[in-house]
Amino acid sequence: MKNIFNQVSPQETDALEKFLATGKHLILDNHEFCGLSVDDFTTFYFEAHDGKLANAMVKFLITADCSSSNTLLTLMGFQEFAKDIFEEFFNEHEVTILKIFHAEYKEHRKELQLVLAGL
């Protein structure tokens, strides 16, 4: 995600961080963000790394020994991979995200200027 921050002014960085954090929560709560959904992420996840990561996760889910302490460690590993893929998903769609961010940022600045002008 570092690359996306290089494409905004220093004044916009905090707003973009909040925009992205909100977007991640929206997607994980099964809402759309910038036209992206959890369904889009799931498809992206299953296609990532030629499907090998998804294949390994499904195999693990079917064969996991829930009484083994290693099961939790393996599950935590899959969770970390999923978090990494989630970041890749946002990187893949950064053009769309930035376009919508800039439009919303501009609109909010206009609204703030109107409020400050007393209109």
C-alpha atoms as a PDB file:
ATOM      1  CA  MET A   1       0.000   0.000   0.000  1.00  0.00           C
ATOM      2  CA  LYS A   2       3.005   2.319   0.223  1.00  0.00           C
ATOM      3  CA  ASN A   3       2.832   3.045  -3.490  1.00  0.00           C
ATOM      4  CA  ILE A   4      -0.699   4.436  -3.211  1.00  0.00           C
ATOM      5  CA  PHE A   5       0.442   7.005  -0.638  1.00  0.00           C
ATOM      6  CA  ASN A   6       3.089   8.287  -3.061  1.00  0.00           C
ATOM      7  CA  GLN A   7       0.236   9.354  -5.333  1.00  0.00           C
ATOM      8  CA  VAL A   8      -1.391  11.804  -2.909  1.00  0.00           C
ATOM      9  CA  SER A   9      -0.212  15.046  -1.380  1.00  0.00           C
ATOM     10  CA  PRO A  10       1.072  15.047   2.203  1.00  0.00           C
ATOM     11  CA  GLN A  11      -2.124  16.885   3.203  1.00  0.00           C
ATOM     12  CA  GLU A  12      -4.232  14.021   1.844  1.00  0.00           C
ATOM     13  CA  THR A  13      -2.294  11.160   3.466  1.00  0.00           C
ATOM     14  CA  ASP A  14      -4.296  11.008   6.710  1.00  0.00           C
ATOM     15  CA  ALA A  15      -7.579  11.202   4.828  1.00  0.00           C
ATOM     16  CA  LEU A  16      -6.465   8.387   2.496  1.00  0.00           C
ATOM     17  CA  GLU A  17      -5.432   6.209   5.453  1.00  0.00           C
ATOM     18  CA  LYS A  18      -8.883   6.642   7.011  1.00  0.00           C
ATOM     19  CA  PHE A  19     -10.558   6.100   3.627  1.00  0.00           C
ATOM     20  CA  LEU A  20      -8.695   2.790   3.141  1.00  0.00           C
ATOM     21  CA  ALA A  21      -9.320   1.629   6.717  1.00  0.00           C
ATOM     22  CA  THR A  22     -13.023   2.344   6.292  1.00  0.00           C
ATOM     23  CA  GLY A  23     -13.016   0.520   2.960  1.00  0.00           C
ATOM     24  CA  LYS A  24     -11.402  -2.578   4.439  1.00  0.00           C
ATOM     25  CA  HIS A  25     -13.989  -2.681   7.204  1.00  0.00           C
ATOM     26  CA  LEU A  26     -16.811  -2.187   4.715  1.00  0.00           C
ATOM     27  CA  ILE A  27     -15.633  -5.056   2.520  1.00  0.00           C
ATOM     28  CA  LEU A  28     -15.111  -7.386   5.489  1.00  0.00           C
ATOM     29  CA  ASP A  29     -18.592  -6.427   6.757  1.00  0.00           C
ATOM     30  CA  ASN A  30     -19.990  -7.492   3.358  1.00  0.00           C
ATOM     31  CA  HIS A  31     -20.577  -3.978   1.999  1.00  0.00           C
ATOM     32  CA  GLU A  32     -19.208  -2.432  -1.177  1.00  0.00           C
ATOM     33  CA  PHE A  33     -16.299  -0.017  -1.262  1.00  0.00           C
ATOM     34  CA  CYS A  34     -15.308   1.732  -4.478  1.00  0.00           C
ATOM     35  CA  GLY A  35     -17.332  -0.855  -6.379  1.00  0.00           C
ATOM     36  CA  LEU A  36     -15.440  -3.714  -4.687  1.00  0.00           C
ATOM     37  CA  SER A  37     -17.022  -6.410  -2.542  1.00  0.00           C
ATOM     38  CA  VAL A  38     -16.074  -9.398  -0.429  1.00  0.00           C
ATOM     39  CA  ASP A  39     -17.093 -11.538  -3.427  1.00  0.00           C
ATOM     40  CA  ASP A  40     -14.491  -9.738  -5.545  1.00  0.00           C
ATOM     41  CA  PHE A  41     -11.877 -10.304  -2.855  1.00  0.00           C
ATOM     42  CA  THR A  42     -12.771 -13.988  -2.544  1.00  0.00           C
ATOM     43  CA  THR A  43     -12.370 -14.447  -6.289  1.00  0.00           C
ATOM     44  CA  PHE A  44      -9.054 -12.596  -6.145  1.00  0.00           C
ATOM     45  CA  TYR A  45      -7.941 -14.792  -3.227  1.00  0.00           C
ATOM     46  CA  PHE A  46      -8.775 -18.033  -5.018  1.00  0.00           C
ATOM     47  CA  GLU A  47      -6.973 -16.883  -8.165  1.00  0.00           C
ATOM     48  CA  ALA A  48      -3.879 -15.643  -6.303  1.00  0.00           C
ATOM     49  CA  HIS A  49      -0.720 -17.704  -6.697  1.00  0.00           C
ATOM     50  CA  ASP A  50      -2.438 -19.790  -9.376  1.00  0.00           C
ATOM     51  CA  GLY A  51      -4.931 -21.083  -6.818  1.00  0.00           C
ATOM     52  CA  LYS A  52      -2.282 -22.962  -4.830  1.00  0.00           C
ATOM     53  CA  LEU A  53      -2.933 -21.022  -1.626  1.00  0.00           C
ATOM     54  CA  ALA A  54      -6.667 -21.657  -1.849  1.00  0.00           C
ATOM     55  CA  ASN A  55      -6.065 -25.317  -2.611  1.00  0.00           C
ATOM     56  CA  ALA A  56      -3.843 -25.666   0.449  1.00  0.00           C
ATOM     57  CA  MET A  57      -6.405 -23.914   2.650  1.00  0.00           C
ATOM     58  CA  VAL A  58      -9.258 -26.147   1.474  1.00  0.00           C
ATOM     59  CA  LYS A  59      -7.134 -29.267   1.968  1.00  0.00           C
ATOM     60  CA  PHE A  60      -6.259 -28.059   5.474  1.00  0.00           C
ATOM     61  CA  LEU A  61      -9.917 -27.403   6.330  1.00  0.00           C
ATOM     62  CA  ILE A  62     -10.923 -30.887   5.264  1.00  0.00           C
ATOM     63  CA  THR A  63      -8.058 -32.751   6.940  1.00  0.00           C
ATOM     64  CA  ALA A  64      -7.379 -30.594  10.045  1.00  0.00           C
ATOM     65  CA  ASP A  65      -6.962 -32.412  13.340  1.00  0.00           C
ATOM     66  CA  CYS A  66      -8.720 -29.988  15.686  1.00  0.00           C
ATOM     67  CA  SER A  67      -7.246 -31.698  18.743  1.00  0.00           C
ATOM     68  CA  SER A  68      -3.705 -30.860  17.627  1.00  0.00           C
ATOM     69  CA  SER A  69      -2.009 -27.670  18.831  1.00  0.00           C
ATOM     70  CA  ASN A  70      -0.363 -27.383  15.414  1.00  0.00           C
ATOM     71  CA  THR A  71      -3.785 -26.797  13.869  1.00  0.00           C
ATOM     72  CA  LEU A  72      -4.024 -23.318  15.389  1.00  0.00           C
ATOM     73  CA  LEU A  73      -0.536 -22.428  14.165  1.00  0.00           C
ATOM     74  CA  THR A  74      -1.395 -23.559  10.651  1.00  0.00           C
ATOM     75  CA  LEU A  75      -4.658 -21.628  10.758  1.00  0.00           C
ATOM     76  CA  MET A  76      -2.794 -18.505  11.888  1.00  0.00           C
ATOM     77  CA  GLY A  77      -0.454 -18.967   8.930  1.00  0.00           C
ATOM     78  CA  PHE A  78      -3.411 -19.041   6.527  1.00  0.00           C
ATOM     79  CA  GLN A  79      -4.765 -15.932   8.232  1.00  0.00           C
ATOM     80  CA  GLU A  80      -1.510 -14.056   7.615  1.00  0.00           C
ATOM     81  CA  PHE A  81      -1.527 -15.129   3.960  1.00  0.00           C
ATOM     82  CA  ALA A  82      -5.124 -13.910   3.661  1.00  0.00           C
ATOM     83  CA  LYS A  83      -4.172 -10.538   5.147  1.00  0.00           C
ATOM     84  CA  ASP A  84      -1.319 -10.235   2.639  1.00  0.00           C
ATOM     85  CA  ILE A  85      -3.634 -11.119  -0.248  1.00  0.00           C
ATOM     86  CA  PHE A  86      -6.139  -8.526   1.038  1.00  0.00           C
ATOM     87  CA  GLU A  87      -3.405  -5.876   0.744  1.00  0.00           C
ATOM     88  CA  GLU A  88      -2.559  -7.135  -2.755  1.00  0.00           C
ATOM     89  CA  PHE A  89      -6.261  -6.857  -3.633  1.00  0.00           C
ATOM     90  CA  PHE A  90      -6.240  -3.182  -2.670  1.00  0.00           C
ATOM     91  CA  ASN A  91      -2.998  -2.631  -4.592  1.00  0.00           C
ATOM     92  CA  GLU A  92      -4.536  -4.259  -7.654  1.00  0.00           C
ATOM     93  CA  HIS A  93      -7.441  -1.790  -7.536  1.00  0.00           C
ATOM     94  CA  GLU A  94      -5.503   1.310  -6.500  1.00  0.00           C
ATOM     95  CA  VAL A  95      -6.383   3.276  -9.650  1.00  0.00           C
ATOM     96  CA  THR A  96     -10.104   2.921  -8.982  1.00  0.00           C
ATOM     97  CA  ILE A  97      -9.684   3.570  -5.260  1.00  0.00           C
ATOM     98  CA  LEU A  98      -7.627   6.723  -5.856  1.00  0.00           C
ATOM     99  CA  LYS A  99     -10.088   8.026  -8.431  1.00  0.00           C
ATOM    100  CA  ILE A 100     -12.989   7.713  -5.982  1.00  0.00           C
ATOM    101  CA  PHE A 101     -10.897   9.007  -3.078  1.00  0.00           C
ATOM    102  CA  HIS A 102      -9.943  12.155  -4.980  1.00  0.00           C
ATOM    103  CA  ALA A 103     -13.558  12.783  -6.011  1.00  0.00           C
ATOM    104  CA  GLU A 104     -14.836  12.365  -2.444  1.00  0.00           C
ATOM    105  CA  TYR A 105     -11.959  14.400  -0.978  1.00  0.00           C
ATOM    106  CA  LYS A 106     -12.680  17.249  -3.390  1.00  0.00           C
ATOM    107  CA  GLU A 107     -16.402  17.121  -2.541  1.00  0.00           C
ATOM    108  CA  HIS A 108     -15.726  17.195   1.213  1.00  0.00           C
ATOM    109  CA  ARG A 109     -13.388  20.171   0.795  1.00  0.00           C
ATOM    110  CA  LYS A 110     -16.113  22.044  -1.100  1.00  0.00           C
ATOM    111  CA  GLU A 111     -18.631  21.266   1.647  1.00  0.00           C
ATOM    112  CA  LEU A 112     -16.191  22.418   4.335  1.00  0.00           C
ATOM    113  CA  GLN A 113     -15.519  25.653   2.481  1.00  0.00           C
ATOM    114  CA  LEU A 114     -19.266  26.324   2.272  1.00  0.00           C
ATOM    115  CA  VAL A 115     -19.688  25.668   5.989  1.00  0.00           C
ATOM    116  CA  LEU A 116     -16.774  27.935   6.851  1.00  0.00           C
ATOM    117  CA  ALA A 117     -18.172  30.649   4.602  1.00  0.00           C
ATOM    118  CA  GLY A 118     -21.396  30.474   6.603  1.00  0.00           C
ATOM    119  CA  LEU A 119     -23.581  29.303   3.735  1.00  0.00           C
END
